Amino acid sequence: MFDPIYFKSQFPLFDHSENQSLVYLDNAATTQKPQCVIDAIVDFYTKANGNANRSSHRLARVATNLLEKARLQAAEFIGAESKNTIVFTSGATESLNIIANGFRDKLSSGDEIILSLVEHHANIVPWQEVCHSSNAKLVFAEINLNNVKSLVNKKTKIISVTAASNALGLVTDLNSLREIKKQYPDIIIVLDGSQLVAHKPVDIKSWPCDFFVCSAHKFYGPTGVGLLYGRESLLSCLLPLKFGGEMIDNVELHKSYYVTGPERFEGGTSPLSAIAALSACFDFWSKQDRAQMVQYENLLTGYLYEKINKLCDKYPEIYLVGDKKSNIGIATLASNQYSMADIGFWLDEENIAVRVGNHCAQPLFRSLNVRSVLRISLAAYNTREDIDKCVSSFEGFLRENSQPYLLPKEKGYFDVSLLDYRELYGLNNWQHRYKKIMQWGSLLPSRPRLRSEENLVVGCESFLWLSGEKKEGKYYFWVDSDSAVVKGLAAVILCRVFGEKKETILAIDFQQYFLDLGLEKHLSQSRVNGVNAILKSVFDYAER
């Protein structure tokens, strides 16, 4: 049986004292790195730092050999027919841009490109740009691609879809794509495998795709490097995205000629230390029993959904978006009552890392009428205990915040002038302070008229709108947000400045203020950025 504890022991991040109690469930964003991957970066710079495909000295030869070894390993890892089908890129985003740009001059008005509603923005925006310049048309299949065959016609030139959704974990059924490829062999099929590779073996030779892309950091490799697989006959026809360096065959004064191999798309100096780490990552994968890993992750995904379904049954204001069928280990939750950002803040303080937001899938969640979600994503080093702790902490939030905060009966309104920041002084732990800030944010009324682009505070983790006015030399502020915590943090600031004059506002030492309140330890960098953005807006008003 696969041993997740031994597997986890190879990842040094979890050994550090500050991370020993960390429950890391944000693997769809990026995975942690095994020691061998980290060591490979150091080894390259200390033992073999040279520029590949350039000089003829020993270090350059070592770098070149390393580059080509990694290219061969990559081909074997995804089951490609040749290393000449593998292009090193900065990641899946660049890979998709290379493919889309390469077809820019091959599309005509009326041609159609099929995407799905579940795509990452990186597999939407490049095709939008291509369509703008070529007058081609984007057509969107359903989330599960059930209707993709019915969308195909003689105008269809390209189908570009995810192999597994980063937002829902849904794995694409390749059978419909096989049938399409059989009936329309000239249609180009692109698969975004970024989320799939860490969880399922890839066998490109038997798959119905012409291009396949992925990012190394999603499957325990380094950041800054990714793979683009393309059939050799197609790669040789695509126009490069970057020009210069070793992608050149011959340069004349007014015209240049490019090489036909994968180097055609690798203009500039290659990220050799990352490629060295990627090579070590492939070695790491060669030592794993993929069948056992897949079996373990499937069981863990089933357990995750079992626990989440029980939570949703107990607290129906929380619900799942998607299901465990054909899932790579992602559970996505939403709520019509709670802000997912608030729950994410709560879990963060419990040392549980999840992802909150729209996950670069705005069209998907807009189609589902969901504004923001919380995503739990698994990797092979996760355990049932991780899931238990996450779900228990999640339930702790729901239990603590199950009763709505009510306005004082004698008040028909509530604004920051009624808040007293000194209430926070007597609260001796972060849970109590967090709850008080949540309470303040919940008490402040929703102000739909405030929600305009002009009032949006850029830099907050969740949407926040702030407006103010000056009356008789004093300043008054109003705020709104979907997140009670974000609105509450704004209230902590605004209750100090509401109804004050410019001189008073500018004289407040907010850094000391947060120190006195004991909140500075619980403000992550992203939250600090949000607080600073609110302060900037307040000071901008005071300077008018």
Protein backbone atom coordinates (compact mmCIF):
# COMPACT_ATOMS: atom_id res chain seq x y z
CA MET A 1 0.00 0.00 0.00
CA PHE A 2 1.07 3.57 -0.67
CA ASP A 3 2.54 5.23 2.45
CA PRO A 4 1.65 8.96 2.57
CA ILE A 5 3.72 9.52 5.73
CA TYR A 6 6.90 8.29 4.08
CA PHE A 7 6.02 10.22 0.92
CA LYS A 8 5.55 13.40 2.97
CA SER A 9 8.88 12.91 4.73
CA GLN A 10 10.64 13.68 1.43
CA PHE A 11 9.25 17.24 1.44
CA PRO A 12 11.39 19.44 3.72
CA LEU A 13 8.89 22.29 3.99
CA PHE A 14 6.85 20.20 6.41
CA ASP A 15 9.90 19.62 8.66
CA HIS A 16 10.33 23.28 9.58
CA SER A 17 9.04 24.11 13.04
CA GLU A 18 6.55 26.68 11.74
CA ASN A 19 5.10 24.14 9.28
CA GLN A 20 4.97 20.96 11.36
CA SER A 21 1.31 21.54 12.18
CA LEU A 22 0.48 22.92 8.72
CA VAL A 23 -2.34 21.25 6.84
CA TYR A 24 -1.61 22.10 3.22
CA LEU A 25 -4.69 21.69 1.03
CA ASP A 26 -3.93 24.16 -1.75
CA ASN A 27 -2.19 21.71 -4.07
CA ALA A 28 -4.14 22.77 -7.16
CA ALA A 29 -2.40 26.14 -6.83
CA THR A 30 1.05 24.62 -6.38
CA THR A 31 2.52 21.49 -4.84
CA GLN A 32 5.38 21.35 -2.36
CA LYS A 33 8.83 20.23 -3.54
CA PRO A 34 10.77 17.10 -2.52
CA GLN A 35 14.32 17.51 -1.26
CA CYS A 36 15.82 16.09 -4.48
CA VAL A 37 14.20 18.88 -6.54
CA ILE A 38 15.54 21.55 -4.19
CA ASP A 39 19.00 19.99 -4.14
CA ALA A 40 19.14 19.91 -7.95
CA ILE A 41 18.90 23.71 -8.13
CA VAL A 42 21.83 24.12 -5.72
CA ASP A 43 23.84 21.41 -7.47
CA PHE A 44 23.43 23.09 -10.84
CA TYR A 45 24.68 26.46 -9.63
CA THR A 46 27.51 25.01 -7.56
CA LYS A 47 28.72 22.33 -9.96
CA ALA A 48 27.54 22.86 -13.53
CA ASN A 49 26.50 26.47 -14.16
CA GLY A 50 26.97 27.13 -17.84
CA ASN A 51 24.85 28.17 -20.82
CA ALA A 52 23.40 25.35 -22.90
CA ASN A 53 23.80 25.28 -26.69
CA ARG A 54 26.22 28.22 -26.62
CA SER A 55 29.89 27.74 -25.67
CA SER A 56 32.02 24.67 -26.33
CA HIS A 57 33.67 24.44 -22.88
CA ARG A 58 32.97 21.70 -20.35
CA LEU A 59 30.36 23.54 -18.28
CA ALA A 60 28.40 24.46 -21.39
CA ARG A 61 28.49 20.85 -22.53
CA VAL A 62 27.21 19.71 -19.13
CA ALA A 63 24.37 22.24 -19.30
CA THR A 64 23.48 21.15 -22.83
CA ASN A 65 23.47 17.49 -21.86
CA LEU A 66 21.28 18.30 -18.87
CA LEU A 67 18.79 20.16 -21.07
CA GLU A 68 18.51 17.30 -23.54
CA LYS A 69 18.34 14.68 -20.78
CA ALA A 70 15.39 16.54 -19.25
CA ARG A 71 13.73 16.79 -22.67
CA LEU A 72 13.99 13.02 -23.10
CA GLN A 73 12.70 12.44 -19.56
CA ALA A 74 9.75 14.73 -20.25
CA ALA A 75 8.86 12.79 -23.39
CA GLU A 76 8.97 9.52 -21.45
CA PHE A 77 6.98 10.98 -18.55
CA ILE A 78 3.99 11.91 -20.71
CA GLY A 79 4.37 9.04 -23.18
CA ALA A 80 5.40 11.17 -26.16
CA GLU A 81 6.86 9.56 -29.24
CA SER A 82 10.04 11.65 -29.33
CA LYS A 83 11.95 14.27 -27.33
CA ASN A 84 11.64 16.48 -30.41
CA THR A 85 7.98 16.97 -29.50
CA ILE A 86 8.86 18.63 -26.16
CA VAL A 87 9.26 22.40 -25.78
CA PHE A 88 10.38 23.92 -22.48
CA THR A 89 8.33 26.98 -21.54
CA SER A 90 7.81 29.06 -18.40
CA GLY A 91 4.60 27.14 -17.70
CA ALA A 92 1.21 26.18 -19.09
CA THR A 93 0.20 29.82 -19.60
CA GLU A 94 3.11 30.50 -21.95
CA SER A 95 2.54 27.14 -23.63
CA LEU A 96 -1.08 27.99 -24.41
CA ASN A 97 -0.06 31.43 -25.65
CA ILE A 98 2.51 29.85 -27.98
CA ILE A 99 -0.13 27.52 -29.44
CA ALA A 100 -2.79 30.21 -29.82
CA ASN A 101 -0.35 32.70 -31.34
CA GLY A 102 0.95 30.00 -33.68
CA PHE A 103 -2.50 29.62 -35.23
CA ARG A 104 -3.19 33.34 -35.48
CA ASP A 105 -2.31 33.49 -39.18
CA LYS A 106 -4.00 30.15 -39.97
CA LEU A 107 -7.55 31.15 -39.01
CA SER A 108 -10.06 33.04 -41.12
CA SER A 109 -13.30 34.85 -40.54
CA GLY A 110 -16.00 32.37 -39.59
CA ASP A 111 -13.65 29.66 -38.34
CA GLU A 112 -14.64 28.31 -34.92
CA ILE A 113 -12.65 27.43 -31.80
CA ILE A 114 -14.35 25.30 -29.15
CA LEU A 115 -13.53 25.82 -25.48
CA SER A 116 -15.47 24.76 -22.39
CA LEU A 117 -17.05 26.79 -19.61
CA VAL A 118 -14.70 25.19 -17.08
CA GLU A 119 -11.48 26.55 -18.61
CA HIS A 120 -8.79 28.45 -16.71
CA HIS A 121 -8.40 32.03 -17.93
CA ALA A 122 -5.06 31.01 -19.48
CA ASN A 123 -7.01 28.82 -21.90
CA ILE A 124 -9.56 31.51 -22.72
CA VAL A 125 -7.82 34.87 -23.02
CA PRO A 126 -5.19 33.84 -25.64
CA TRP A 127 -7.94 32.45 -27.87
CA GLN A 128 -10.00 35.61 -27.40
CA GLU A 129 -7.06 37.63 -28.68
CA VAL A 130 -6.62 35.32 -31.67
CA CYS A 131 -10.31 35.67 -32.52
CA HIS A 132 -10.11 39.45 -32.29
CA SER A 133 -7.37 39.54 -34.90
CA SER A 134 -8.68 36.79 -37.20
CA ASN A 135 -12.46 37.25 -36.86
CA ALA A 136 -12.73 33.61 -35.83
CA LYS A 137 -15.47 32.69 -33.35
CA LEU A 138 -15.32 31.17 -29.87
CA VAL A 139 -17.88 28.48 -29.06
CA PHE A 140 -18.29 27.13 -25.52
CA ALA A 141 -19.14 23.58 -24.58
CA GLU A 142 -20.85 22.60 -21.34
CA ILE A 143 -18.84 22.11 -18.16
CA ASN A 144 -18.63 18.32 -18.63
CA LEU A 145 -18.21 18.52 -22.44
CA ASN A 146 -21.37 16.44 -22.93
CA ASN A 147 -22.42 18.60 -25.87
CA VAL A 148 -19.02 19.08 -27.49
CA LYS A 149 -19.77 16.65 -30.35
CA SER A 150 -22.93 18.54 -31.25
CA LEU A 151 -20.93 21.78 -31.54
CA VAL A 152 -18.45 20.41 -34.07
CA ASN A 153 -18.98 21.24 -37.73
CA LYS A 154 -16.98 22.00 -40.85
CA LYS A 155 -16.07 25.43 -39.46
CA THR A 156 -14.45 23.95 -36.35
CA LYS A 157 -10.67 24.30 -36.54
CA ILE A 158 -9.51 23.94 -32.93
CA ILE A 159 -10.78 22.38 -29.70
CA SER A 160 -8.85 23.52 -26.63
CA VAL A 161 -10.05 22.12 -23.30
CA THR A 162 -8.77 21.20 -19.88
CA ALA A 163 -7.87 17.60 -19.10
CA ALA A 164 -8.91 18.23 -15.47
CA SER A 165 -10.53 21.34 -14.02
CA ASN A 166 -8.57 23.43 -11.57
CA ALA A 167 -11.86 24.77 -10.17
CA LEU A 168 -13.92 21.58 -9.78
CA GLY A 169 -11.46 18.70 -10.20
CA LEU A 170 -13.55 17.25 -13.02
CA VAL A 171 -11.55 14.96 -15.35
CA THR A 172 -12.40 15.24 -19.04
CA ASP A 173 -13.68 12.08 -20.70
CA LEU A 174 -11.43 11.59 -23.72
CA ASN A 175 -13.85 9.29 -25.57
CA SER A 176 -15.87 12.09 -27.12
CA LEU A 177 -12.65 13.76 -28.28
CA ARG A 178 -11.51 10.45 -29.80
CA GLU A 179 -14.75 10.21 -31.76
CA ILE A 180 -14.39 13.79 -32.97
CA LYS A 181 -10.78 13.22 -34.02
CA LYS A 182 -11.78 10.09 -35.89
CA GLN A 183 -14.54 11.89 -37.79
CA TYR A 184 -12.66 15.19 -38.24
CA PRO A 185 -8.92 14.31 -38.29
CA ASP A 186 -7.90 17.85 -39.32
CA ILE A 187 -9.35 19.48 -36.20
CA ILE A 188 -6.55 20.50 -33.83
CA ILE A 189 -7.14 19.30 -30.25
CA VAL A 190 -5.30 20.99 -27.37
CA LEU A 191 -5.36 19.58 -23.82
CA ASP A 192 -4.41 21.61 -20.76
CA GLY A 193 -3.02 18.95 -18.42
CA SER A 194 -1.84 21.26 -15.65
CA GLN A 195 -4.06 19.74 -12.97
CA LEU A 196 -4.04 16.18 -14.26
CA VAL A 197 -0.37 15.21 -14.34
CA ALA A 198 0.16 14.98 -10.57
CA HIS A 199 -2.79 12.63 -10.20
CA LYS A 200 -3.08 10.48 -13.33
CA PRO A 201 -0.48 8.94 -15.68
CA VAL A 202 -0.38 10.52 -19.12
CA ASP A 203 0.00 8.56 -22.36
CA ILE A 204 0.03 11.09 -25.18
CA LYS A 205 0.60 8.48 -27.91
CA SER A 206 -2.84 7.00 -27.24
CA TRP A 207 -4.62 10.27 -26.52
CA PRO A 208 -6.61 12.22 -29.11
CA CYS A 209 -4.65 15.45 -28.85
CA ASP A 210 -2.22 17.35 -31.01
CA PHE A 211 -0.91 19.55 -28.20
CA PHE A 212 -0.59 19.02 -24.46
CA VAL A 213 0.61 21.52 -21.85
CA CYS A 214 1.43 21.44 -18.14
CA SER A 215 3.41 23.30 -15.45
CA ALA A 216 6.10 21.57 -13.40
CA HIS A 217 5.17 23.22 -10.11
CA LYS A 218 1.79 21.45 -10.22
CA PHE A 219 3.43 18.00 -10.02
CA TYR A 220 6.13 18.50 -7.34
CA GLY A 221 8.54 20.23 -9.71
CA PRO A 222 10.00 23.75 -9.66
CA THR A 223 8.27 26.98 -10.61
CA GLY A 224 9.27 28.78 -13.79
CA VAL A 225 9.27 25.83 -16.18
CA GLY A 226 6.58 23.95 -18.06
CA LEU A 227 6.10 21.58 -20.95
CA LEU A 228 4.52 22.03 -24.34
CA TYR A 229 4.02 18.83 -26.30
CA GLY A 230 3.20 19.17 -29.97
CA ARG A 231 3.23 16.78 -32.86
CA GLU A 232 6.42 17.38 -34.83
CA SER A 233 4.61 18.12 -38.09
CA LEU A 234 2.59 20.85 -36.35
CA LEU A 235 5.41 22.39 -34.32
CA SER A 236 7.44 22.96 -37.44
CA CYS A 237 4.61 25.02 -38.95
CA LEU A 238 3.86 27.32 -36.01
CA LEU A 239 5.16 30.87 -35.82
CA PRO A 240 7.26 31.34 -32.65
CA LEU A 241 6.11 33.64 -29.86
CA LYS A 242 9.60 34.80 -28.86
CA PHE A 243 12.45 35.66 -31.22
CA GLY A 244 16.23 35.57 -30.74
CA GLY A 245 18.85 33.28 -29.27
CA GLU A 246 19.11 29.65 -30.26
CA MET A 247 15.76 29.57 -32.06
CA ILE A 248 17.57 31.18 -34.98
CA ASP A 249 18.98 29.18 -37.89
CA ASN A 250 20.22 32.13 -39.95
CA VAL A 251 19.90 35.91 -39.64
CA GLU A 252 20.21 38.27 -42.59
CA LEU A 253 19.81 42.03 -42.45
CA HIS A 254 16.16 42.01 -43.48
CA LYS A 255 15.07 38.43 -42.94
CA SER A 256 15.69 35.56 -40.53
CA TYR A 257 15.19 31.80 -40.65
CA TYR A 258 14.25 29.66 -37.65
CA VAL A 259 15.18 26.14 -36.64
CA THR A 260 12.48 23.49 -37.00
CA GLY A 261 12.99 21.60 -33.72
CA PRO A 262 11.59 22.45 -30.26
CA GLU A 263 14.31 25.10 -29.86
CA ARG A 264 12.24 27.14 -32.34
CA PHE A 265 10.05 28.15 -29.37
CA GLU A 266 12.81 28.53 -26.76
CA GLY A 267 14.23 31.93 -27.63
CA GLY A 268 16.50 33.44 -24.99
CA THR A 269 18.43 31.78 -22.20
CA SER A 270 16.73 28.67 -20.87
CA PRO A 271 15.83 28.47 -17.15
CA LEU A 272 18.54 25.85 -16.67
CA SER A 273 18.42 25.60 -12.88
CA ALA A 274 14.67 24.98 -13.06
CA ILE A 275 15.19 22.43 -15.83
CA ALA A 276 17.82 20.70 -13.66
CA ALA A 277 15.23 20.57 -10.87
CA LEU A 278 12.65 19.28 -13.34
CA SER A 279 15.01 16.48 -14.32
CA ALA A 280 15.31 15.56 -10.64
CA CYS A 281 11.52 15.66 -10.40
CA PHE A 282 11.25 13.12 -13.20
CA ASP A 283 13.74 10.91 -11.34
CA PHE A 284 11.56 11.30 -8.23
CA TRP A 285 8.47 10.23 -10.17
CA SER A 286 10.28 7.19 -11.61
CA LYS A 287 10.61 5.85 -8.06
CA GLN A 288 6.89 6.10 -7.29
CA ASP A 289 4.31 3.38 -7.78
CA ARG A 290 1.79 5.35 -9.81
CA ALA A 291 -0.94 2.73 -9.55
CA GLN A 292 -0.76 2.76 -5.75
CA MET A 293 -0.66 6.57 -5.68
CA VAL A 294 -3.77 6.78 -7.85
CA GLN A 295 -5.56 4.24 -5.68
CA TYR A 296 -4.63 6.10 -2.50
CA GLU A 297 -5.69 9.50 -3.86
CA ASN A 298 -9.00 8.07 -5.07
CA LEU A 299 -9.71 6.70 -1.58
CA LEU A 300 -8.68 10.02 -0.01
CA THR A 301 -10.94 11.94 -2.39
CA GLY A 302 -13.83 9.68 -1.44
CA TYR A 303 -13.16 10.32 2.24
CA LEU A 304 -12.99 14.08 1.64
CA TYR A 305 -16.39 14.08 -0.05
CA GLU A 306 -17.86 11.86 2.66
CA LYS A 307 -16.82 14.36 5.34
CA ILE A 308 -17.84 17.43 3.33
CA ASN A 309 -21.25 15.96 2.48
CA LYS A 310 -21.91 15.36 6.18
CA LEU A 311 -20.90 18.96 6.90
CA CYS A 312 -23.24 20.27 4.20
CA ASP A 313 -26.10 18.12 5.53
CA LYS A 314 -25.59 19.61 8.99
CA TYR A 315 -25.14 23.17 7.71
CA PRO A 316 -27.25 23.49 4.54
CA GLU A 317 -26.11 27.09 4.05
CA ILE A 318 -22.87 25.52 2.72
CA TYR A 319 -23.01 23.48 -0.48
CA LEU A 320 -20.70 21.66 -2.86
CA VAL A 321 -20.07 22.81 -6.41
CA GLY A 322 -19.26 19.64 -8.37
CA ASP A 323 -18.96 16.07 -7.10
CA LYS A 324 -16.43 13.28 -6.54
CA LYS A 325 -17.16 11.44 -9.80
CA SER A 326 -14.08 11.47 -12.08
CA ASN A 327 -12.38 13.87 -9.70
CA ILE A 328 -8.65 14.45 -9.11
CA GLY A 329 -9.05 15.40 -5.44
CA ILE A 330 -10.73 18.80 -5.44
CA ALA A 331 -13.77 19.79 -3.36
CA THR A 332 -15.23 23.22 -4.05
CA LEU A 333 -17.67 24.82 -1.63
CA ALA A 334 -19.90 27.88 -1.84
CA SER A 335 -22.50 29.60 0.33
CA ASN A 336 -25.32 32.08 -0.07
CA GLN A 337 -24.94 33.15 3.56
CA TYR A 338 -21.23 33.22 4.36
CA SER A 339 -18.30 34.84 2.63
CA MET A 340 -15.81 32.21 1.57
CA ALA A 341 -13.05 34.72 2.30
CA ASP A 342 -14.14 34.81 5.95
CA ILE A 343 -13.94 31.04 6.21
CA GLY A 344 -10.57 31.07 4.45
CA PHE A 345 -9.28 33.60 7.01
CA TRP A 346 -10.54 31.40 9.82
CA LEU A 347 -8.86 28.27 8.42
CA ASP A 348 -5.63 30.20 7.87
CA GLU A 349 -5.52 31.10 11.56
CA GLU A 350 -5.97 27.38 12.29
CA ASN A 351 -2.88 26.74 10.09
CA ILE A 352 -4.93 25.19 7.28
CA ALA A 353 -4.07 26.33 3.76
CA VAL A 354 -6.91 26.38 1.24
CA ARG A 355 -7.77 28.63 -1.71
CA VAL A 356 -10.58 31.19 -1.80
CA GLY A 357 -11.75 33.20 -4.81
CA ASN A 358 -12.79 32.48 -8.38
CA HIS A 359 -9.67 30.40 -9.22
CA CYS A 360 -9.15 32.07 -12.60
CA ALA A 361 -12.47 30.58 -13.71
CA GLN A 362 -14.81 33.57 -13.69
CA PRO A 363 -16.95 32.43 -16.67
CA LEU A 364 -17.53 29.08 -14.97
CA PHE A 365 -18.73 30.48 -11.66
CA ARG A 366 -20.71 33.22 -13.37
CA SER A 367 -22.58 30.51 -15.29
CA LEU A 368 -23.27 28.76 -11.97
CA ASN A 369 -24.35 32.03 -10.33
CA VAL A 370 -21.58 31.64 -7.75
CA ARG A 371 -19.42 34.62 -6.88
CA SER A 372 -16.71 33.08 -4.72
CA VAL A 373 -15.79 29.57 -3.61
CA LEU A 374 -13.45 27.80 -1.22
CA ARG A 375 -11.35 25.05 -2.78
CA ILE A 376 -9.79 22.11 -0.96
CA SER A 377 -7.27 20.31 -3.17
CA LEU A 378 -5.40 17.14 -2.26
CA ALA A 379 -1.96 15.69 -2.98
CA ALA A 380 -0.39 12.34 -2.19
CA TYR A 381 1.19 13.65 1.03
CA ASN A 382 -2.23 14.50 2.50
CA THR A 383 -3.96 12.19 4.95
CA ARG A 384 -7.36 11.56 6.49
CA GLU A 385 -6.14 13.44 9.55
CA ASP A 386 -5.58 16.52 7.35
CA ILE A 387 -9.14 16.29 6.10
CA ASP A 388 -10.50 15.75 9.62
CA LYS A 389 -8.73 18.84 10.91
CA CYS A 390 -9.89 20.97 7.98
CA VAL A 391 -13.52 19.90 8.25
CA SER A 392 -13.48 20.26 12.05
CA SER A 393 -12.13 23.81 11.79
CA PHE A 394 -14.63 24.60 9.04
CA GLU A 395 -17.41 23.41 11.31
CA GLY A 396 -15.95 25.51 14.14
CA PHE A 397 -16.44 28.61 12.02
CA LEU A 398 -20.02 27.66 11.16
CA ARG A 399 -20.82 26.85 14.78
CA GLU A 400 -19.36 30.12 16.07
CA ASN A 401 -21.14 32.18 13.43
CA SER A 402 -24.42 30.30 13.09
CA GLN A 403 -26.50 33.05 14.71
CA PRO A 404 -26.85 36.31 12.81
CA TYR A 405 -25.69 39.48 14.52
CA LEU A 406 -28.68 41.68 15.32
CA LEU A 407 -28.82 45.45 15.36
CA PRO A 408 -29.62 47.10 18.68
CA LYS A 409 -33.41 47.33 18.93
CA GLU A 410 -33.39 51.07 19.54
CA LYS A 411 -31.30 51.74 16.44
CA GLY A 412 -32.72 51.73 12.96
CA TYR A 413 -29.27 52.03 11.43
CA PHE A 414 -25.67 51.17 12.18
CA ASP A 415 -22.47 52.85 11.09
CA VAL A 416 -18.86 52.95 12.23
CA SER A 417 -19.54 55.87 14.59
CA LEU A 418 -21.24 53.37 16.92
CA LEU A 419 -18.15 51.15 17.17
CA ASP A 420 -15.61 51.45 19.98
CA TYR A 421 -12.20 50.09 19.10
CA ARG A 422 -11.39 49.77 22.81
CA GLU A 423 -13.70 46.75 22.91
CA LEU A 424 -10.87 44.80 21.24
CA TYR A 425 -8.36 45.57 24.00
CA GLY A 426 -9.91 43.16 26.49
CA LEU A 427 -10.03 40.19 24.13
CA ASN A 428 -7.07 37.95 24.87
CA ASN A 429 -7.01 35.53 21.92
CA TRP A 430 -7.34 35.75 18.19
CA GLN A 431 -10.60 33.76 18.02
CA HIS A 432 -12.35 36.35 20.22
CA ARG A 433 -10.88 39.26 18.27
CA TYR A 434 -11.74 37.56 15.00
CA LYS A 435 -15.32 37.02 16.15
CA LYS A 436 -15.63 40.67 17.25
CA ILE A 437 -14.29 41.90 13.91
CA MET A 438 -16.69 39.52 12.14
CA GLN A 439 -19.49 40.92 14.28
CA TRP A 440 -18.59 44.50 13.38
CA GLY A 441 -18.46 43.63 9.70
CA SER A 442 -21.84 41.87 9.89
CA LEU A 443 -23.45 44.78 11.74
CA LEU A 444 -22.50 47.29 9.08
CA PRO A 445 -25.36 47.41 6.55
CA SER A 446 -25.01 46.48 2.91
CA ARG A 447 -24.75 49.55 0.68
CA PRO A 448 -25.43 48.51 -2.94
CA ARG A 449 -25.07 52.09 -4.20
CA LEU A 450 -21.50 52.09 -2.93
CA ARG A 451 -20.52 49.20 -5.21
CA SER A 452 -19.03 51.04 -8.14
CA GLU A 453 -15.67 50.91 -9.85
CA GLU A 454 -14.94 54.39 -8.53
CA ASN A 455 -15.24 53.23 -4.90
CA LEU A 456 -13.48 49.88 -5.25
CA VAL A 457 -10.41 49.59 -3.01
CA VAL A 458 -7.74 47.78 -5.02
CA GLY A 459 -5.51 45.45 -3.02
CA CYS A 460 -7.97 43.76 -0.65
CA GLU A 461 -8.32 39.97 -0.60
CA SER A 462 -12.08 40.34 -1.09
CA PHE A 463 -14.02 43.07 -2.88
CA LEU A 464 -14.33 46.19 -0.73
CA TRP A 465 -15.91 49.51 -1.62
CA LEU A 466 -15.25 52.69 0.36
CA SER A 467 -16.61 56.19 0.02
CA GLY A 468 -16.39 59.33 2.12
CA GLU A 469 -17.49 62.92 2.33
CA LYS A 470 -16.41 66.10 4.07
CA LYS A 471 -18.86 68.17 6.13
CA GLU A 472 -17.83 71.26 8.04
CA GLY A 473 -14.20 70.21 8.03
CA LYS A 474 -14.90 66.67 9.26
CA TYR A 475 -14.73 63.40 7.31
CA TYR A 476 -17.31 60.62 7.24
CA PHE A 477 -16.82 57.20 5.66
CA TRP A 478 -18.97 54.30 4.50
CA VAL A 479 -17.83 50.84 3.48
CA ASP A 480 -19.23 47.64 1.98
CA SER A 481 -17.87 44.16 1.21
CA ASP A 482 -19.08 40.61 0.71
CA SER A 483 -16.61 39.57 3.43
CA ALA A 484 -17.55 40.34 7.03
CA VAL A 485 -13.88 40.10 8.04
CA VAL A 486 -12.73 42.55 5.37
CA LYS A 487 -15.58 44.92 6.23
CA GLY A 488 -14.75 44.47 9.93
CA LEU A 489 -11.06 45.28 9.39
CA ALA A 490 -12.15 48.39 7.53
CA ALA A 491 -14.40 49.24 10.48
CA VAL A 492 -11.42 48.92 12.86
CA ILE A 493 -9.81 51.73 10.87
CA LEU A 494 -12.87 53.84 10.09
CA CYS A 495 -14.13 53.99 13.67
CA ARG A 496 -10.97 55.95 14.48
CA VAL A 497 -11.42 58.49 11.71
CA PHE A 498 -15.22 58.80 11.39
CA GLY A 499 -16.23 62.42 12.08
CA GLU A 500 -12.65 63.58 12.61
CA LYS A 501 -10.77 66.48 11.05
CA LYS A 502 -7.86 66.10 8.66
CA GLU A 503 -5.23 66.93 11.29
CA THR A 504 -6.52 64.23 13.62
CA ILE A 505 -6.69 61.59 10.88
CA LEU A 506 -3.17 62.20 9.62
CA ALA A 507 -1.75 62.19 13.15
CA ILE A 508 -2.96 58.69 14.04
CA ASP A 509 -0.17 56.11 14.26
CA PHE A 510 -2.01 53.15 12.77
CA GLN A 511 0.98 50.83 13.04
CA GLN A 512 1.03 51.36 16.81
CA TYR A 513 -2.77 51.11 16.81
CA PHE A 514 -2.66 47.57 15.42
CA LEU A 515 0.15 46.65 17.81
CA ASP A 516 -1.92 47.85 20.75
CA LEU A 517 -4.91 45.84 19.57
CA GLY A 518 -2.77 42.72 19.20
CA LEU A 519 -3.90 42.19 15.61
CA GLU A 520 -0.57 42.52 13.85
CA LYS A 521 0.27 38.83 14.39
CA HIS A 522 -2.90 37.80 12.62
CA LEU A 523 -2.53 40.00 9.55
CA SER A 524 -1.02 37.97 6.71
CA GLN A 525 0.86 39.89 4.02
CA SER A 526 -2.18 39.88 1.75
CA ARG A 527 -4.32 41.22 4.59
CA VAL A 528 -1.67 43.82 5.42
CA ASN A 529 -1.86 44.90 1.77
CA GLY A 530 -5.62 45.22 2.12
CA VAL A 531 -5.36 47.26 5.32
CA ASN A 532 -2.79 49.53 3.69
CA ALA A 533 -5.09 49.98 0.69
CA ILE A 534 -7.93 51.04 3.02
CA LEU A 535 -5.62 53.45 4.85
CA LYS A 536 -4.46 54.93 1.55
CA SER A 537 -8.07 55.56 0.53
CA VAL A 538 -8.77 57.25 3.86
CA PHE A 539 -5.67 59.42 3.64
CA ASP A 540 -6.48 60.31 0.03
CA TYR A 541 -9.86 61.59 1.16
CA ALA A 542 -8.25 63.57 4.00
CA GLU A 543 -5.78 65.18 1.60
CA ARG A 544 -8.51 66.48 -0.71
